Amino acid sequence: QPQRLIWMLLALPKSSCEYLEALFRQSGSPRPQEFELLKFLHVKAQEQWQLIEQQAQALQLLEQELEHFKAELIRLKEKRRAERQRLATRSLACGAQRRPRRRALDVEGHLNLPTSALPSPSR
């Protein structure tokens, strides 16, 4: 029993150890019985396990939410890719040609605007 008590004391947080020391040093009160200390240690251990279990459950929920988010993101990316593919296929079926995108600047850095967009010379 004393060996078990020593190992339990090593596992306690500092505040609990200080509490046990105070129990031993209190003047006017009898030294606590070993069963009282074991009972106290048992209660503290249960509190710690409950806290650990709550944190583990919270972590598990967070991991599940992350997995759902990843799956939704993958689904949306695939849907977007399929929609782009569908539109490209439909356009080609209607006789459209694939052309590179028009750019506002040409190779030399000049504005590449249609003549209708240029201001008309005023006289």
N, C-alpha and C. Protein backbone atom coordinates (compact mmCIF):
# COMPACT_ATOMS: atom_id res chain seq x y z
N GLN A 1 0.81 -1.21 0.00
CA GLN A 1 0.00 0.00 0.00
C GLN A 1 0.85 1.27 0.00
N PRO A 2 1.89 1.39 0.85
CA PRO A 2 2.68 2.62 0.82
C PRO A 2 3.35 2.84 -0.53
N GLN A 3 3.83 1.76 -1.16
CA GLN A 3 4.46 1.89 -2.48
C GLN A 3 3.45 2.43 -3.49
N ARG A 4 2.23 1.92 -3.44
CA ARG A 4 1.16 2.39 -4.34
C ARG A 4 0.87 3.86 -4.09
N LEU A 5 0.86 4.27 -2.84
CA LEU A 5 0.60 5.67 -2.48
C LEU A 5 1.68 6.58 -3.05
N ILE A 6 2.93 6.16 -2.99
CA ILE A 6 4.03 6.98 -3.51
C ILE A 6 3.87 7.20 -5.01
N TRP A 7 3.54 6.13 -5.74
CA TRP A 7 3.37 6.27 -7.20
C TRP A 7 2.17 7.15 -7.53
N MET A 8 1.12 7.07 -6.74
CA MET A 8 -0.05 7.92 -6.98
C MET A 8 0.30 9.39 -6.72
N LEU A 9 1.13 9.63 -5.72
CA LEU A 9 1.54 11.01 -5.42
C LEU A 9 2.37 11.58 -6.57
N LEU A 10 3.19 10.76 -7.19
CA LEU A 10 4.01 11.24 -8.30
C LEU A 10 3.15 11.66 -9.50
N ALA A 11 1.99 11.04 -9.65
CA ALA A 11 1.13 11.33 -10.80
C ALA A 11 0.22 12.54 -10.57
N LEU A 12 0.17 13.03 -9.35
CA LEU A 12 -0.73 14.15 -9.04
C LEU A 12 -0.17 15.49 -9.51
N PRO A 13 -1.05 16.43 -9.85
CA PRO A 13 -0.56 17.78 -10.12
C PRO A 13 0.00 18.40 -8.84
N LYS A 14 0.81 19.44 -9.00
CA LYS A 14 1.49 20.05 -7.87
C LYS A 14 0.51 20.55 -6.81
N SER A 15 -0.62 21.14 -7.24
CA SER A 15 -1.58 21.68 -6.28
C SER A 15 -2.13 20.59 -5.37
N SER A 16 -2.37 19.39 -5.92
CA SER A 16 -2.88 18.29 -5.11
C SER A 16 -1.83 17.81 -4.11
N CYS A 17 -0.56 17.78 -4.53
CA CYS A 17 0.51 17.38 -3.61
C CYS A 17 0.64 18.39 -2.48
N GLU A 18 0.51 19.68 -2.82
CA GLU A 18 0.58 20.70 -1.78
C GLU A 18 -0.58 20.54 -0.80
N TYR A 19 -1.74 20.18 -1.30
CA TYR A 19 -2.89 19.95 -0.43
C TYR A 19 -2.61 18.80 0.53
N LEU A 20 -2.00 17.73 0.01
CA LEU A 20 -1.69 16.59 0.88
C LEU A 20 -0.66 16.98 1.94
N GLU A 21 0.34 17.77 1.55
CA GLU A 21 1.32 18.23 2.53
C GLU A 21 0.64 19.05 3.62
N ALA A 22 -0.30 19.90 3.23
CA ALA A 22 -1.01 20.72 4.21
C ALA A 22 -1.81 19.84 5.16
N LEU A 23 -2.38 18.76 4.64
CA LEU A 23 -3.12 17.84 5.52
C LEU A 23 -2.21 17.26 6.59
N PHE A 24 -0.97 16.92 6.21
CA PHE A 24 -0.04 16.34 7.17
C PHE A 24 0.44 17.37 8.18
N ARG A 25 0.58 18.61 7.77
CA ARG A 25 1.20 19.63 8.62
C ARG A 25 0.20 20.42 9.45
N GLN A 26 -1.07 20.22 9.24
CA GLN A 26 -2.05 21.00 9.99
C GLN A 26 -1.89 20.73 11.48
N SER A 27 -1.85 21.81 12.21
CA SER A 27 -1.72 21.63 13.67
C SER A 27 -3.09 21.39 14.28
N GLY A 28 -3.13 20.55 15.25
CA GLY A 28 -4.36 20.29 15.96
C GLY A 28 -5.24 19.23 15.33
N SER A 29 -4.93 18.79 14.16
CA SER A 29 -5.75 17.75 13.55
C SER A 29 -4.92 16.48 13.44
N PRO A 30 -5.54 15.33 13.60
CA PRO A 30 -4.78 14.09 13.52
C PRO A 30 -4.30 13.84 12.09
N ARG A 31 -3.23 13.12 12.00
CA ARG A 31 -2.68 12.78 10.68
C ARG A 31 -3.74 11.97 9.91
N PRO A 32 -3.97 12.33 8.64
CA PRO A 32 -5.01 11.62 7.89
C PRO A 32 -4.66 10.14 7.74
N GLN A 33 -5.68 9.34 7.76
CA GLN A 33 -5.49 7.91 7.59
C GLN A 33 -5.18 7.61 6.12
N GLU A 34 -4.52 6.49 5.92
CA GLU A 34 -4.13 6.13 4.55
C GLU A 34 -5.35 5.96 3.65
N PHE A 35 -6.44 5.42 4.19
CA PHE A 35 -7.62 5.24 3.35
C PHE A 35 -8.21 6.58 2.92
N GLU A 36 -8.06 7.61 3.78
CA GLU A 36 -8.54 8.95 3.40
C GLU A 36 -7.71 9.50 2.24
N LEU A 37 -6.40 9.28 2.32
CA LEU A 37 -5.54 9.74 1.23
C LEU A 37 -5.85 8.99 -0.06
N LEU A 38 -6.04 7.68 0.06
CA LEU A 38 -6.37 6.90 -1.13
C LEU A 38 -7.71 7.34 -1.73
N LYS A 39 -8.66 7.64 -0.86
CA LYS A 39 -9.96 8.12 -1.33
C LYS A 39 -9.80 9.45 -2.07
N PHE A 40 -8.99 10.34 -1.49
CA PHE A 40 -8.74 11.64 -2.11
C PHE A 40 -8.05 11.45 -3.46
N LEU A 41 -7.04 10.58 -3.49
CA LEU A 41 -6.34 10.32 -4.74
C LEU A 41 -7.26 9.71 -5.80
N HIS A 42 -8.15 8.85 -5.36
CA HIS A 42 -9.10 8.22 -6.28
C HIS A 42 -10.02 9.27 -6.91
N VAL A 43 -10.52 10.20 -6.09
CA VAL A 43 -11.39 11.27 -6.59
C VAL A 43 -10.64 12.14 -7.60
N LYS A 44 -9.40 12.50 -7.24
CA LYS A 44 -8.60 13.34 -8.15
C LYS A 44 -8.31 12.61 -9.46
N ALA A 45 -8.02 11.33 -9.37
CA ALA A 45 -7.74 10.55 -10.58
C ALA A 45 -8.98 10.49 -11.47
N GLN A 46 -10.16 10.31 -10.86
CA GLN A 46 -11.40 10.29 -11.64
C GLN A 46 -11.63 11.62 -12.34
N GLU A 47 -11.36 12.73 -11.64
CA GLU A 47 -11.52 14.06 -12.25
C GLU A 47 -10.59 14.20 -13.45
N GLN A 48 -9.34 13.75 -13.30
CA GLN A 48 -8.39 13.85 -14.40
C GLN A 48 -8.83 13.00 -15.59
N TRP A 49 -9.32 11.78 -15.32
CA TRP A 49 -9.76 10.92 -16.42
C TRP A 49 -10.97 11.50 -17.14
N GLN A 50 -11.88 12.11 -16.38
CA GLN A 50 -13.04 12.74 -17.01
C GLN A 50 -12.60 13.87 -17.93
N LEU A 51 -11.64 14.66 -17.46
CA LEU A 51 -11.12 15.75 -18.28
C LEU A 51 -10.44 15.21 -19.54
N ILE A 52 -9.65 14.17 -19.39
CA ILE A 52 -8.97 13.56 -20.54
C ILE A 52 -10.00 13.01 -21.53
N GLU A 53 -11.05 12.35 -21.03
CA GLU A 53 -12.08 11.80 -21.91
C GLU A 53 -12.83 12.91 -22.65
N GLN A 54 -13.13 14.01 -21.95
CA GLN A 54 -13.81 15.14 -22.60
C GLN A 54 -12.95 15.72 -23.72
N GLN A 55 -11.66 15.87 -23.43
CA GLN A 55 -10.76 16.41 -24.45
C GLN A 55 -10.63 15.45 -25.64
N ALA A 56 -10.60 14.16 -25.36
CA ALA A 56 -10.51 13.17 -26.44
C ALA A 56 -11.77 13.20 -27.30
N GLN A 57 -12.93 13.34 -26.68
CA GLN A 57 -14.18 13.42 -27.44
C GLN A 57 -14.22 14.69 -28.28
N ALA A 58 -13.79 15.81 -27.71
CA ALA A 58 -13.76 17.07 -28.46
C ALA A 58 -12.82 16.95 -29.65
N LEU A 59 -11.67 16.33 -29.44
CA LEU A 59 -10.71 16.14 -30.53
C LEU A 59 -11.28 15.23 -31.61
N GLN A 60 -11.98 14.19 -31.21
CA GLN A 60 -12.58 13.27 -32.17
C GLN A 60 -13.65 13.99 -33.00
N LEU A 61 -14.48 14.82 -32.35
CA LEU A 61 -15.49 15.58 -33.09
C LEU A 61 -14.84 16.54 -34.08
N LEU A 62 -13.77 17.18 -33.64
CA LEU A 62 -13.06 18.11 -34.51
C LEU A 62 -12.48 17.39 -35.73
N GLU A 63 -11.92 16.21 -35.51
CA GLU A 63 -11.38 15.42 -36.62
C GLU A 63 -12.49 15.00 -37.58
N GLN A 64 -13.67 14.64 -37.04
CA GLN A 64 -14.79 14.27 -37.91
C GLN A 64 -15.24 15.46 -38.75
N GLU A 65 -15.33 16.64 -38.12
CA GLU A 65 -15.72 17.84 -38.86
C GLU A 65 -14.70 18.15 -39.95
N LEU A 66 -13.43 17.97 -39.65
CA LEU A 66 -12.39 18.21 -40.65
C LEU A 66 -12.53 17.24 -41.82
N GLU A 67 -12.80 15.98 -41.54
CA GLU A 67 -12.98 14.99 -42.61
C GLU A 67 -14.19 15.34 -43.47
N HIS A 68 -15.30 15.77 -42.83
CA HIS A 68 -16.48 16.17 -43.59
C HIS A 68 -16.17 17.38 -44.46
N PHE A 69 -15.42 18.32 -43.92
CA PHE A 69 -15.04 19.52 -44.68
C PHE A 69 -14.19 19.15 -45.88
N LYS A 70 -13.21 18.26 -45.67
CA LYS A 70 -12.36 17.82 -46.78
C LYS A 70 -13.19 17.14 -47.86
N ALA A 71 -14.10 16.26 -47.44
CA ALA A 71 -14.93 15.54 -48.41
C ALA A 71 -15.80 16.53 -49.20
N GLU A 72 -16.37 17.51 -48.52
CA GLU A 72 -17.20 18.51 -49.19
C GLU A 72 -16.36 19.34 -50.16
N LEU A 73 -15.16 19.70 -49.77
CA LEU A 73 -14.28 20.47 -50.64
C LEU A 73 -13.93 19.67 -51.90
N ILE A 74 -13.61 18.41 -51.73
CA ILE A 74 -13.30 17.55 -52.88
C ILE A 74 -14.52 17.42 -53.79
N ARG A 75 -15.70 17.25 -53.18
CA ARG A 75 -16.92 17.14 -53.97
C ARG A 75 -17.19 18.41 -54.77
N LEU A 76 -17.01 19.57 -54.14
CA LEU A 76 -17.23 20.84 -54.84
C LEU A 76 -16.23 21.05 -55.97
N LYS A 77 -14.96 20.69 -55.72
CA LYS A 77 -13.95 20.82 -56.78
C LYS A 77 -14.30 19.93 -57.97
N GLU A 78 -14.72 18.71 -57.68
CA GLU A 78 -15.08 17.77 -58.75
C GLU A 78 -16.31 18.28 -59.50
N LYS A 79 -17.27 18.83 -58.79
CA LYS A 79 -18.47 19.38 -59.42
C LYS A 79 -18.11 20.55 -60.33
N ARG A 80 -17.24 21.43 -59.85
CA ARG A 80 -16.80 22.57 -60.64
C ARG A 80 -16.05 22.12 -61.90
N ARG A 81 -15.17 21.13 -61.75
CA ARG A 81 -14.43 20.61 -62.89
C ARG A 81 -15.38 19.98 -63.91
N ALA A 82 -16.36 19.22 -63.43
CA ALA A 82 -17.33 18.58 -64.33
C ALA A 82 -18.16 19.64 -65.06
N GLU A 83 -18.53 20.70 -64.37
CA GLU A 83 -19.31 21.77 -65.00
C GLU A 83 -18.49 22.47 -66.08
N ARG A 84 -17.23 22.75 -65.79
CA ARG A 84 -16.36 23.37 -66.80
C ARG A 84 -16.21 22.45 -68.02
N GLN A 85 -16.04 21.17 -67.76
CA GLN A 85 -15.90 20.20 -68.84
C GLN A 85 -17.18 20.13 -69.66
N ARG A 86 -18.32 20.14 -68.99
CA ARG A 86 -19.61 20.07 -69.68
C ARG A 86 -19.81 21.29 -70.57
N LEU A 87 -19.49 22.48 -70.04
CA LEU A 87 -19.65 23.70 -70.83
C LEU A 87 -18.70 23.71 -72.02
N ALA A 88 -17.47 23.27 -71.82
CA ALA A 88 -16.50 23.24 -72.92
C ALA A 88 -16.95 22.27 -74.00
N THR A 89 -17.45 21.12 -73.60
CA THR A 89 -17.92 20.12 -74.56
C THR A 89 -19.13 20.64 -75.32
N ARG A 90 -20.05 21.30 -74.63
CA ARG A 90 -21.25 21.83 -75.27
C ARG A 90 -20.88 22.91 -76.29
N SER A 91 -19.95 23.79 -75.92
CA SER A 91 -19.54 24.86 -76.83
C SER A 91 -18.91 24.28 -78.09
N LEU A 92 -18.06 23.28 -77.92
CA LEU A 92 -17.41 22.67 -79.09
C LEU A 92 -18.44 21.95 -79.96
N ALA A 93 -19.44 21.36 -79.35
CA ALA A 93 -20.48 20.67 -80.12
C ALA A 93 -21.28 21.66 -80.94
N CYS A 94 -21.37 22.90 -80.48
CA CYS A 94 -22.12 23.93 -81.21
C CYS A 94 -21.24 24.62 -82.25
N GLY A 95 -20.03 24.17 -82.46
CA GLY A 95 -19.17 24.73 -83.49
C GLY A 95 -18.19 25.78 -83.00
N ALA A 96 -18.11 25.99 -81.72
CA ALA A 96 -17.15 26.98 -81.21
C ALA A 96 -15.74 26.43 -81.35
N GLN A 97 -14.80 27.34 -81.46
CA GLN A 97 -13.40 26.92 -81.55
C GLN A 97 -12.69 27.31 -80.26
N ARG A 98 -11.72 26.51 -79.92
CA ARG A 98 -10.93 26.86 -78.74
C ARG A 98 -9.93 27.92 -79.14
N ARG A 99 -9.99 29.04 -78.47
CA ARG A 99 -9.06 30.13 -78.74
C ARG A 99 -8.39 30.53 -77.43
N PRO A 100 -7.17 31.03 -77.53
CA PRO A 100 -6.56 31.54 -76.30
C PRO A 100 -7.30 32.79 -75.84
N ARG A 101 -7.25 33.04 -74.58
CA ARG A 101 -7.92 34.23 -74.05
C ARG A 101 -7.30 35.49 -74.63
N ARG A 102 -8.15 36.47 -74.86
CA ARG A 102 -7.64 37.76 -75.30
C ARG A 102 -7.05 38.48 -74.11
N ARG A 103 -5.98 39.15 -74.36
CA ARG A 103 -5.34 39.91 -73.29
C ARG A 103 -5.48 41.38 -73.59
N ALA A 104 -5.50 42.20 -72.56
CA ALA A 104 -5.66 43.65 -72.73
C ALA A 104 -4.42 44.25 -73.37
N LEU A 105 -3.24 43.65 -73.13
CA LEU A 105 -2.00 44.17 -73.72
C LEU A 105 -1.47 43.17 -74.73
N ASP A 106 -0.94 43.69 -75.83
CA ASP A 106 -0.33 42.77 -76.79
C ASP A 106 1.09 42.45 -76.36
N VAL A 107 1.82 41.75 -77.20
CA VAL A 107 3.16 41.28 -76.86
C VAL A 107 4.10 42.44 -76.56
N GLU A 108 3.93 43.56 -77.28
CA GLU A 108 4.83 44.70 -77.10
C GLU A 108 4.40 45.62 -75.96
N GLY A 109 3.31 45.30 -75.31
CA GLY A 109 2.87 46.11 -74.18
C GLY A 109 1.88 47.20 -74.53
N HIS A 110 1.40 47.23 -75.78
CA HIS A 110 0.40 48.22 -76.18
C HIS A 110 -0.99 47.72 -75.85
N LEU A 111 -1.90 48.66 -75.63
CA LEU A 111 -3.28 48.26 -75.38
C LEU A 111 -3.83 47.57 -76.61
N ASN A 112 -4.47 46.48 -76.41
CA ASN A 112 -5.03 45.69 -77.50
C ASN A 112 -6.55 45.81 -77.43
N LEU A 113 -7.06 46.97 -77.81
CA LEU A 113 -8.50 47.21 -77.75
C LEU A 113 -9.08 47.21 -79.15
N PRO A 114 -10.34 46.80 -79.29
CA PRO A 114 -10.97 46.90 -80.60
C PRO A 114 -11.12 48.37 -80.99
N THR A 115 -11.16 48.64 -82.28
CA THR A 115 -11.21 50.04 -82.74
C THR A 115 -12.49 50.73 -82.29
N SER A 116 -13.54 49.98 -82.05
CA SER A 116 -14.78 50.60 -81.59
C SER A 116 -14.64 51.13 -80.16
N ALA A 117 -13.67 50.62 -79.41
CA ALA A 117 -13.48 51.07 -78.04
C ALA A 117 -12.60 52.31 -77.96
N LEU A 118 -11.91 52.64 -79.05
CA LEU A 118 -11.05 53.82 -79.05
C LEU A 118 -11.89 55.09 -79.17
N PRO A 119 -11.45 56.17 -78.55
CA PRO A 119 -12.23 57.42 -78.66
C PRO A 119 -12.16 57.94 -80.10
N SER A 120 -13.28 58.45 -80.57
CA SER A 120 -13.30 58.98 -81.93
C SER A 120 -12.63 60.34 -81.96
N PRO A 121 -11.88 60.62 -83.02
CA PRO A 121 -11.21 61.92 -83.09
C PRO A 121 -12.25 63.03 -83.27
N SER A 122 -12.16 64.01 -82.44
CA SER A 122 -13.13 65.11 -82.51
C SER A 122 -12.54 66.27 -83.28
N ARG A 123 -13.27 66.83 -84.19
CA ARG A 123 -12.79 67.95 -84.99
C ARG A 123 -13.66 69.14 -84.81
